PDB file of N, CA and C in Angstrom:
ATOM      1  N   MET A   1      -4.025 -13.759  35.347  1.00  0.00           N
ATOM      2  CA  MET A   1      -4.538 -12.700  34.486  1.00  0.00           C
ATOM      3  C   MET A   1      -5.960 -13.068  34.045  1.00  0.00           C
ATOM      4  N   THR A   2      -6.799 -12.089  33.973  1.00  0.00           N
ATOM      5  CA  THR A   2      -8.175 -12.276  33.534  1.00  0.00           C
ATOM      6  C   THR A   2      -8.223 -12.514  32.035  1.00  0.00           C
ATOM      7  N   HIS A   3      -9.169 -13.359  31.612  1.00  0.00           N
ATOM      8  CA  HIS A   3      -9.362 -13.651  30.196  1.00  0.00           C
ATOM      9  C   HIS A   3     -10.791 -13.267  29.823  1.00  0.00           C
ATOM     10  N   VAL A   4     -10.949 -12.491  28.764  1.00  0.00           N
ATOM     11  CA  VAL A   4     -12.267 -12.032  28.308  1.00  0.00           C
ATOM     12  C   VAL A   4     -12.486 -12.525  26.882  1.00  0.00           C
ATOM     13  N   THR A   5     -13.648 -13.160  26.646  1.00  0.00           N
ATOM     14  CA  THR A   5     -13.979 -13.666  25.317  1.00  0.00           C
ATOM     15  C   THR A   5     -15.175 -12.908  24.759  1.00  0.00           C
ATOM     16  N   TYR A   6     -15.011 -12.354  23.582  1.00  0.00           N
ATOM     17  CA  TYR A   6     -16.086 -11.696  22.842  1.00  0.00           C
ATOM     18  C   TYR A   6     -16.664 -12.724  21.877  1.00  0.00           C
ATOM     19  N   LYS A   7     -17.994 -12.913  21.906  1.00  0.00           N
ATOM     20  CA  LYS A   7     -18.644 -13.892  21.033  1.00  0.00           C
ATOM     21  C   LYS A   7     -19.619 -13.178  20.098  1.00  0.00           C
ATOM     22  N   ILE A   8     -19.596 -13.557  18.837  1.00  0.00           N
ATOM     23  CA  ILE A   8     -20.491 -12.980  17.833  1.00  0.00           C
ATOM     24  C   ILE A   8     -21.775 -13.817  17.812  1.00  0.00           C
ATOM     25  N   VAL A   9     -22.933 -13.134  17.942  1.00  0.00           N
ATOM     26  CA  VAL A   9     -24.224 -13.830  18.004  1.00  0.00           C
ATOM     27  C   VAL A   9     -25.279 -13.046  17.236  1.00  0.00           C
ATOM     28  N   GLU A  10     -26.333 -13.743  16.801  1.00  0.00           N
ATOM     29  CA  GLU A  10     -27.492 -13.057  16.239  1.00  0.00           C
ATOM     30  C   GLU A  10     -28.244 -12.418  17.396  1.00  0.00           C
ATOM     31  N   HIS A  11     -28.674 -11.161  17.191  1.00  0.00           N
ATOM     32  CA  HIS A  11     -29.329 -10.446  18.295  1.00  0.00           C
ATOM     33  C   HIS A  11     -30.149  -9.281  17.763  1.00  0.00           C
ATOM     34  N   ASP A  12     -31.371  -9.168  18.244  1.00  0.00           N
ATOM     35  CA  ASP A  12     -32.224  -8.000  17.998  1.00  0.00           C
ATOM     36  C   ASP A  12     -32.371  -7.689  16.511  1.00  0.00           C
ATOM     37  N   GLY A  13     -32.561  -8.734  15.701  1.00  0.00           N
ATOM     38  CA  GLY A  13     -32.754  -8.533  14.272  1.00  0.00           C
ATOM     39  C   GLY A  13     -31.491  -8.305  13.483  1.00  0.00           C
ATOM     40  N   GLY A  14     -30.359  -8.468  14.106  1.00  0.00           N
ATOM     41  CA  GLY A  14     -29.081  -8.280  13.419  1.00  0.00           C
ATOM     42  C   GLY A  14     -28.028  -9.148  14.074  1.00  0.00           C
ATOM     43  N   TRP A  15     -26.848  -8.598  14.218  1.00  0.00           N
ATOM     44  CA  TRP A  15     -25.726  -9.299  14.842  1.00  0.00           C
ATOM     45  C   TRP A  15     -25.131  -8.419  15.929  1.00  0.00           C
ATOM     46  N   ALA A  16     -24.539  -9.050  16.939  1.00  0.00           N
ATOM     47  CA  ALA A  16     -23.926  -8.315  18.046  1.00  0.00           C
ATOM     48  C   ALA A  16     -22.766  -9.143  18.567  1.00  0.00           C
ATOM     49  N   TYR A  17     -22.007  -8.535  19.469  1.00  0.00           N
ATOM     50  CA  TYR A  17     -21.054  -9.334  20.235  1.00  0.00           C
ATOM     51  C   TYR A  17     -21.496  -9.317  21.678  1.00  0.00           C
ATOM     52  N   THR A  18     -21.157 -10.348  22.389  1.00  0.00           N
ATOM     53  CA  THR A  18     -21.525 -10.461  23.791  1.00  0.00           C
ATOM     54  C   THR A  18     -20.282 -10.771  24.620  1.00  0.00           C
ATOM     55  N   VAL A  19     -20.245 -10.195  25.811  1.00  0.00           N
ATOM     56  CA  VAL A  19     -19.168 -10.431  26.764  1.00  0.00           C
ATOM     57  C   VAL A  19     -19.819 -10.667  28.120  1.00  0.00           C
ATOM     58  N   ASN A  20     -19.589 -11.833  28.682  1.00  0.00           N
ATOM     59  CA  ASN A  20     -20.161 -12.166  29.999  1.00  0.00           C
ATOM     60  C   ASN A  20     -21.661 -11.906  30.060  1.00  0.00           C
ATOM     61  N   GLY A  21     -22.377 -12.240  29.001  1.00  0.00           N
ATOM     62  CA  GLY A  21     -23.828 -12.113  28.993  1.00  0.00           C
ATOM     63  C   GLY A  21     -24.356 -10.730  28.664  1.00  0.00           C
ATOM     64  N   VAL A  22     -23.485  -9.780  28.391  1.00  0.00           N
ATOM     65  CA  VAL A  22     -23.899  -8.414  28.052  1.00  0.00           C
ATOM     66  C   VAL A  22     -23.726  -8.228  26.547  1.00  0.00           C
ATOM     67  N   PHE A  23     -24.783  -7.713  25.884  1.00  0.00           N
ATOM     68  CA  PHE A  23     -24.767  -7.546  24.440  1.00  0.00           C
ATOM     69  C   PHE A  23     -24.342  -6.143  24.024  1.00  0.00           C
ATOM     70  N   SER A  24     -23.655  -6.076  22.902  1.00  0.00           N
ATOM     71  CA  SER A  24     -23.351  -4.783  22.282  1.00  0.00           C
ATOM     72  C   SER A  24     -24.605  -4.285  21.581  1.00  0.00           C
ATOM     73  N   GLU A  25     -24.487  -3.130  20.964  1.00  0.00           N
ATOM     74  CA  GLU A  25     -25.560  -2.662  20.096  1.00  0.00           C
ATOM     75  C   GLU A  25     -25.650  -3.601  18.896  1.00  0.00           C
ATOM     76  N   PRO A  26     -26.797  -3.684  18.243  1.00  0.00           N
ATOM     77  CA  PRO A  26     -26.902  -4.558  17.067  1.00  0.00           C
ATOM     78  C   PRO A  26     -26.199  -3.947  15.857  1.00  0.00           C
ATOM     79  N   PHE A  27     -25.671  -4.825  15.015  1.00  0.00           N
ATOM     80  CA  PHE A  27     -25.030  -4.430  13.766  1.00  0.00           C
ATOM     81  C   PHE A  27     -25.785  -5.082  12.615  1.00  0.00           C
ATOM     82  N   PRO A  28     -25.747  -4.500  11.425  1.00  0.00           N
ATOM     83  CA  PRO A  28     -26.559  -5.020  10.319  1.00  0.00           C
ATOM     84  C   PRO A  28     -26.111  -6.379   9.788  1.00  0.00           C
ATOM     85  N   ASN A  29     -24.838  -6.727  10.001  1.00  0.00           N
ATOM     86  CA  ASN A  29     -24.365  -8.020   9.498  1.00  0.00           C
ATOM     87  C   ASN A  29     -23.255  -8.547  10.404  1.00  0.00           C
ATOM     88  N   ARG A  30     -22.941  -9.816  10.201  1.00  0.00           N
ATOM     89  CA  ARG A  30     -21.968 -10.506  11.034  1.00  0.00           C
ATOM     90  C   ARG A  30     -20.572  -9.895  10.898  1.00  0.00           C
ATOM     91  N   ALA A  31     -20.189  -9.520   9.694  1.00  0.00           N
ATOM     92  CA  ALA A  31     -18.856  -8.965   9.466  1.00  0.00           C
ATOM     93  C   ALA A  31     -18.651  -7.659  10.241  1.00  0.00           C
ATOM     94  N   THR A  32     -19.664  -6.824  10.286  1.00  0.00           N
ATOM     95  CA  THR A  32     -19.570  -5.559  11.019  1.00  0.00           C
ATOM     96  C   THR A  32     -19.479  -5.805  12.519  1.00  0.00           C
ATOM     97  N   ALA A  33     -20.263  -6.768  13.011  1.00  0.00           N
ATOM     98  CA  ALA A  33     -20.199  -7.118  14.439  1.00  0.00           C
ATOM     99  C   ALA A  33     -18.829  -7.687  14.800  1.00  0.00           C
ATOM    100  N   LEU A  34     -18.280  -8.510  13.923  1.00  0.00           N
ATOM    101  CA  LEU A  34     -16.962  -9.092  14.156  1.00  0.00           C
ATOM    102  C   LEU A  34     -15.885  -8.009  14.199  1.00  0.00           C
ATOM    103  N   ALA A  35     -15.941  -7.070  13.283  1.00  0.00           N
ATOM    104  CA  ALA A  35     -14.969  -5.969  13.269  1.00  0.00           C
ATOM    105  C   ALA A  35     -15.084  -5.132  14.547  1.00  0.00           C
ATOM    106  N   ALA A  36     -16.308  -4.867  14.987  1.00  0.00           N
ATOM    107  CA  ALA A  36     -16.511  -4.085  16.211  1.00  0.00           C
ATOM    108  C   ALA A  36     -15.985  -4.839  17.432  1.00  0.00           C
ATOM    109  N   ALA A  37     -16.206  -6.143  17.481  1.00  0.00           N
ATOM    110  CA  ALA A  37     -15.709  -6.950  18.601  1.00  0.00           C
ATOM    111  C   ALA A  37     -14.181  -6.951  18.625  1.00  0.00           C
ATOM    112  N   ARG A  38     -13.567  -7.048  17.467  1.00  0.00           N
ATOM    113  CA  ARG A  38     -12.096  -7.024  17.405  1.00  0.00           C
ATOM    114  C   ARG A  38     -11.546  -5.683  17.883  1.00  0.00           C
ATOM    115  N   ARG A  39     -12.219  -4.589  17.504  1.00  0.00           N
ATOM    116  CA  ARG A  39     -11.791  -3.253  17.982  1.00  0.00           C
ATOM    117  C   ARG A  39     -11.926  -3.161  19.492  1.00  0.00           C
ATOM    118  N   ALA A  40     -13.078  -3.601  20.029  1.00  0.00           N
ATOM    119  CA  ALA A  40     -13.319  -3.518  21.469  1.00  0.00           C
ATOM    120  C   ALA A  40     -12.308  -4.368  22.237  1.00  0.00           C
ATOM    121  N   ALA A  41     -12.024  -5.565  21.737  1.00  0.00           N
ATOM    122  CA  ALA A  41     -11.055  -6.447  22.400  1.00  0.00           C
ATOM    123  C   ALA A  41      -9.665  -5.815  22.405  1.00  0.00           C
ATOM    124  N   ALA A  42      -9.280  -5.206  21.297  1.00  0.00           N
ATOM    125  CA  ALA A  42      -7.971  -4.557  21.215  1.00  0.00           C
ATOM    126  C   ALA A  42      -7.888  -3.363  22.168  1.00  0.00           C
ATOM    127  N   GLU A  43      -8.949  -2.573  22.239  1.00  0.00           N
ATOM    128  CA  GLU A  43      -8.958  -1.405  23.129  1.00  0.00           C
ATOM    129  C   GLU A  43      -8.885  -1.830  24.592  1.00  0.00           C
ATOM    130  N   GLN A  44      -9.472  -2.965  24.921  1.00  0.00           N
ATOM    131  CA  GLN A  44      -9.467  -3.403  26.310  1.00  0.00           C
ATOM    132  C   GLN A  44      -8.075  -3.803  26.783  1.00  0.00           C
ATOM    133  N   ARG A  45      -7.195  -4.153  25.861  1.00  0.00           N
ATOM    134  CA  ARG A  45      -5.825  -4.548  26.216  1.00  0.00           C
ATOM    135  C   ARG A  45      -4.888  -3.353  26.396  1.00  0.00           C
ATOM    136  N   VAL A  46      -5.312  -2.162  26.024  1.00  0.00           N
ATOM    137  CA  VAL A  46      -4.451  -0.973  26.099  1.00  0.00           C
ATOM    138  C   VAL A  46      -4.327  -0.517  27.550  1.00  0.00           C
ATOM    139  N   PRO A  47      -3.098  -0.375  28.048  1.00  0.00           N
ATOM    140  CA  PRO A  47      -2.931   0.080  29.425  1.00  0.00           C
ATOM    141  C   PRO A  47      -3.410   1.517  29.611  1.00  0.00           C
ATOM    142  N   GLY A  48      -3.784   1.821  30.824  1.00  0.00           N
ATOM    143  CA  GLY A  48      -4.243   3.171  31.165  1.00  0.00           C
ATOM    144  C   GLY A  48      -3.484   3.683  32.371  1.00  0.00           C
ATOM    145  N   ARG A  49      -4.102   4.608  33.088  1.00  0.00           N
ATOM    146  CA  ARG A  49      -3.492   5.176  34.292  1.00  0.00           C
ATOM    147  C   ARG A  49      -3.938   4.382  35.519  1.00  0.00           C
ATOM    148  N   THR A  50      -3.100   4.319  36.518  1.00  0.00           N
ATOM    149  CA  THR A  50      -3.486   3.754  37.802  1.00  0.00           C
ATOM    150  C   THR A  50      -4.332   4.796  38.512  1.00  0.00           C
ATOM    151  N   GLU A  51      -5.537   4.385  38.934  1.00  0.00           N
ATOM    152  CA  GLU A  51      -6.477   5.318  39.545  1.00  0.00           C
ATOM    153  C   GLU A  51      -7.243   4.660  40.678  1.00  0.00           C
ATOM    154  N   GLY A  52      -7.751   5.483  41.570  1.00  0.00           N
ATOM    155  CA  GLY A  52      -8.656   5.007  42.608  1.00  0.00           C
ATOM    156  C   GLY A  52     -10.051   4.874  42.025  1.00  0.00           C
ATOM    157  N   ILE A  53     -10.745   3.791  42.367  1.00  0.00           N
ATOM    158  CA  ILE A  53     -12.114   3.587  41.895  1.00  0.00           C
ATOM    159  C   ILE A  53     -13.016   3.267  43.077  1.00  0.00           C
ATOM    160  N   GLU A  54     -14.282   3.595  42.937  1.00  0.00           N
ATOM    161  CA  GLU A  54     -15.301   3.238  43.921  1.00  0.00           C
ATOM    162  C   GLU A  54     -16.426   2.539  43.188  1.00  0.00           C
ATOM    163  N   TYR A  55     -16.991   1.502  43.825  1.00  0.00           N
ATOM    164  CA  TYR A  55     -18.105   0.791  43.214  1.00  0.00           C
ATOM    165  C   TYR A  55     -18.993   0.187  44.300  1.00  0.00           C
ATOM    166  N   GLU A  56     -20.225  -0.090  43.917  1.00  0.00           N
ATOM    167  CA  GLU A  56     -21.195  -0.665  44.840  1.00  0.00           C
ATOM    168  C   GLU A  56     -21.328  -2.158  44.567  1.00  0.00           C
ATOM    169  N   THR A  57     -21.304  -2.960  45.612  1.00  0.00           N
ATOM    170  CA  THR A  57     -21.448  -4.405  45.472  1.00  0.00           C
ATOM    171  C   THR A  57     -22.936  -4.765  45.365  1.00  0.00           C
ATOM    172  N   ALA A  58     -23.211  -6.015  45.019  1.00  0.00           N
ATOM    173  CA  ALA A  58     -24.593  -6.477  44.865  1.00  0.00           C
ATOM    174  C   ALA A  58     -25.391  -6.340  46.155  1.00  0.00           C
ATOM    175  N   ASP A  59     -24.721  -6.392  47.298  1.00  0.00           N
ATOM    176  CA  ASP A  59     -25.435  -6.258  48.568  1.00  0.00           C
ATOM    177  C   ASP A  59     -25.499  -4.806  49.073  1.00  0.00           C
ATOM    178  N   GLY A  60     -25.126  -3.843  48.232  1.00  0.00           N
ATOM    179  CA  GLY A  60     -25.287  -2.430  48.563  1.00  0.00           C
ATOM    180  C   GLY A  60     -24.119  -1.779  49.283  1.00  0.00           C
ATOM    181  N   ARG A  61     -23.020  -2.477  49.474  1.00  0.00           N
ATOM    182  CA  ARG A  61     -21.848  -1.872  50.124  1.00  0.00           C
ATOM    183  C   ARG A  61     -21.001  -1.151  49.095  1.00  0.00           C
ATOM    184  N   TRP A  62     -20.399  -0.041  49.496  1.00  0.00           N
ATOM    185  CA  TRP A  62     -19.484   0.695  48.620  1.00  0.00           C
ATOM    186  C   TRP A  62     -18.057   0.330  48.987  1.00  0.00           C
ATOM    187  N   LEU A  63     -17.250   0.062  47.978  1.00  0.00           N
ATOM    188  CA  LEU A  63     -15.850  -0.291  48.169  1.00  0.00           C
ATOM    189  C   LEU A  63     -14.963   0.664  47.394  1.00  0.00           C
ATOM    190  N   SER A  64     -13.763   0.892  47.915  1.00  0.00           N
ATOM    191  CA  SER A  64     -12.752   1.701  47.234  1.00  0.00           C
ATOM    192  C   SER A  64     -11.539   0.826  46.983  1.00  0.00           C
ATOM    193  N   GLU A  65     -10.975   0.938  45.786  1.00  0.00           N
ATOM    194  CA  GLU A  65      -9.790   0.166  45.411  1.00  0.00           C
ATOM    195  C   GLU A  65      -8.892   1.011  44.529  1.00  0.00           C
ATOM    196  N   THR A  66      -7.681   0.544  44.357  1.00  0.00           N
ATOM    197  CA  THR A  66      -6.786   1.125  43.372  1.00  0.00           C
ATOM    198  C   THR A  66      -6.760   0.192  42.175  1.00  0.00           C
ATOM    199  N   ALA A  67      -7.078   0.721  41.008  1.00  0.00           N
ATOM    200  CA  ALA A  67      -7.057  -0.053  39.768  1.00  0.00           C
ATOM    201  C   ALA A  67      -5.746   0.233  39.050  1.00  0.00           C
ATOM    202  N   ALA A  68      -4.936  -0.789  38.929  1.00  0.00           N
ATOM    203  CA  ALA A  68      -3.639  -0.640  38.249  1.00  0.00           C
ATOM    204  C   ALA A  68      -3.865  -0.474  36.749  1.00  0.00           C
ATOM    205  N   GLY A  69      -3.329   0.548  36.183  1.00  0.00           N
ATOM    206  CA  GLY A  69      -3.513   0.836  34.763  1.00  0.00           C
ATOM    207  C   GLY A  69      -2.870  -0.181  33.833  1.00  0.00           C
ATOM    208  N   ASN A  70      -1.916  -0.942  34.344  1.00  0.00           N
ATOM    209  CA  ASN A  70      -1.252  -1.929  33.498  1.00  0.00           C
ATOM    210  C   ASN A  70      -1.832  -3.334  33.687  1.00  0.00           C
ATOM    211  N   ASP A  71      -2.879  -3.472  34.478  1.00  0.00           N
ATOM    212  CA  ASP A  71      -3.515  -4.761  34.753  1.00  0.00           C
ATOM    213  C   ASP A  71      -4.644  -4.990  33.748  1.00  0.00           C
ATOM    214  N   ARG A  72      -4.281  -5.373  32.540  1.00  0.00           N
ATOM    215  CA  ARG A  72      -5.243  -5.528  31.450  1.00  0.00           C
ATOM    216  C   ARG A  72      -5.495  -7.001  31.175  1.00  0.00           C
ATOM    217  N   PRO A  73      -6.694  -7.359  30.772  1.00  0.00           N
ATOM    218  CA  PRO A  73      -7.001  -8.765  30.522  1.00  0.00           C
ATOM    219  C   PRO A  73      -6.469  -9.254  29.180  1.00  0.00           C
ATOM    220  N   GLU A  74      -6.364 -10.561  29.061  1.00  0.00           N
ATOM    221  CA  GLU A  74      -6.160 -11.185  27.762  1.00  0.00           C
ATOM    222  C   GLU A  74      -7.530 -11.207  27.090  1.00  0.00           C
ATOM    223  N   THR A  75      -7.592 -10.960  25.805  1.00  0.00           N
ATOM    224  CA  THR A  75      -8.882 -10.970  25.119  1.00  0.00           C
ATOM    225  C   THR A  75      -8.798 -11.839  23.871  1.00  0.00           C
ATOM    226  N   GLU A  76      -9.965 -12.371  23.483  1.00  0.00           N
ATOM    227  CA  GLU A  76     -10.079 -13.100  22.232  1.00  0.00           C
ATOM    228  C   GLU A  76     -11.481 -12.882  21.661  1.00  0.00           C
ATOM    229  N   VAL A  77     -11.621 -13.098  20.369  1.00  0.00           N
ATOM    230  CA  VAL A  77     -12.898 -12.964  19.702  1.00  0.00           C
ATOM    231  C   VAL A  77     -13.229 -14.303  19.064  1.00  0.00           C
ATOM    232  N   GLU A  78     -14.402 -14.833  19.407  1.00  0.00           N
ATOM    233  CA  GLU A  78     -14.910 -16.056  18.796  1.00  0.00           C
ATOM    234  C   GLU A  78     -16.020 -15.656  17.846  1.00  0.00           C
ATOM    235  N   GLY A  79     -15.896 -16.012  16.616  1.00  0.00           N
ATOM    236  CA  GLY A  79     -16.950 -15.590  15.731  1.00  0.00           C
ATOM    237  C   GLY A  79     -17.036 -16.369  14.499  1.00  0.00           C
TER     238      GLY A  79
END
């Protein structure tokens, strides 16, 4: 199972959470960023529908896959 960690960091004059090097929007304080990260982590664990997806790889190839709606990652928030 995939594991995703949300980290609370200072960013862009405020606070944000980051996942795999990608930053959220800035928040005015650490507590607000932490609450937003906890919400996002919880939402990511919610199962969805099984659907077909298409995406482009870094080398420009398009791939099609079936994304299982119950294949959700484990999440945690470090802050």
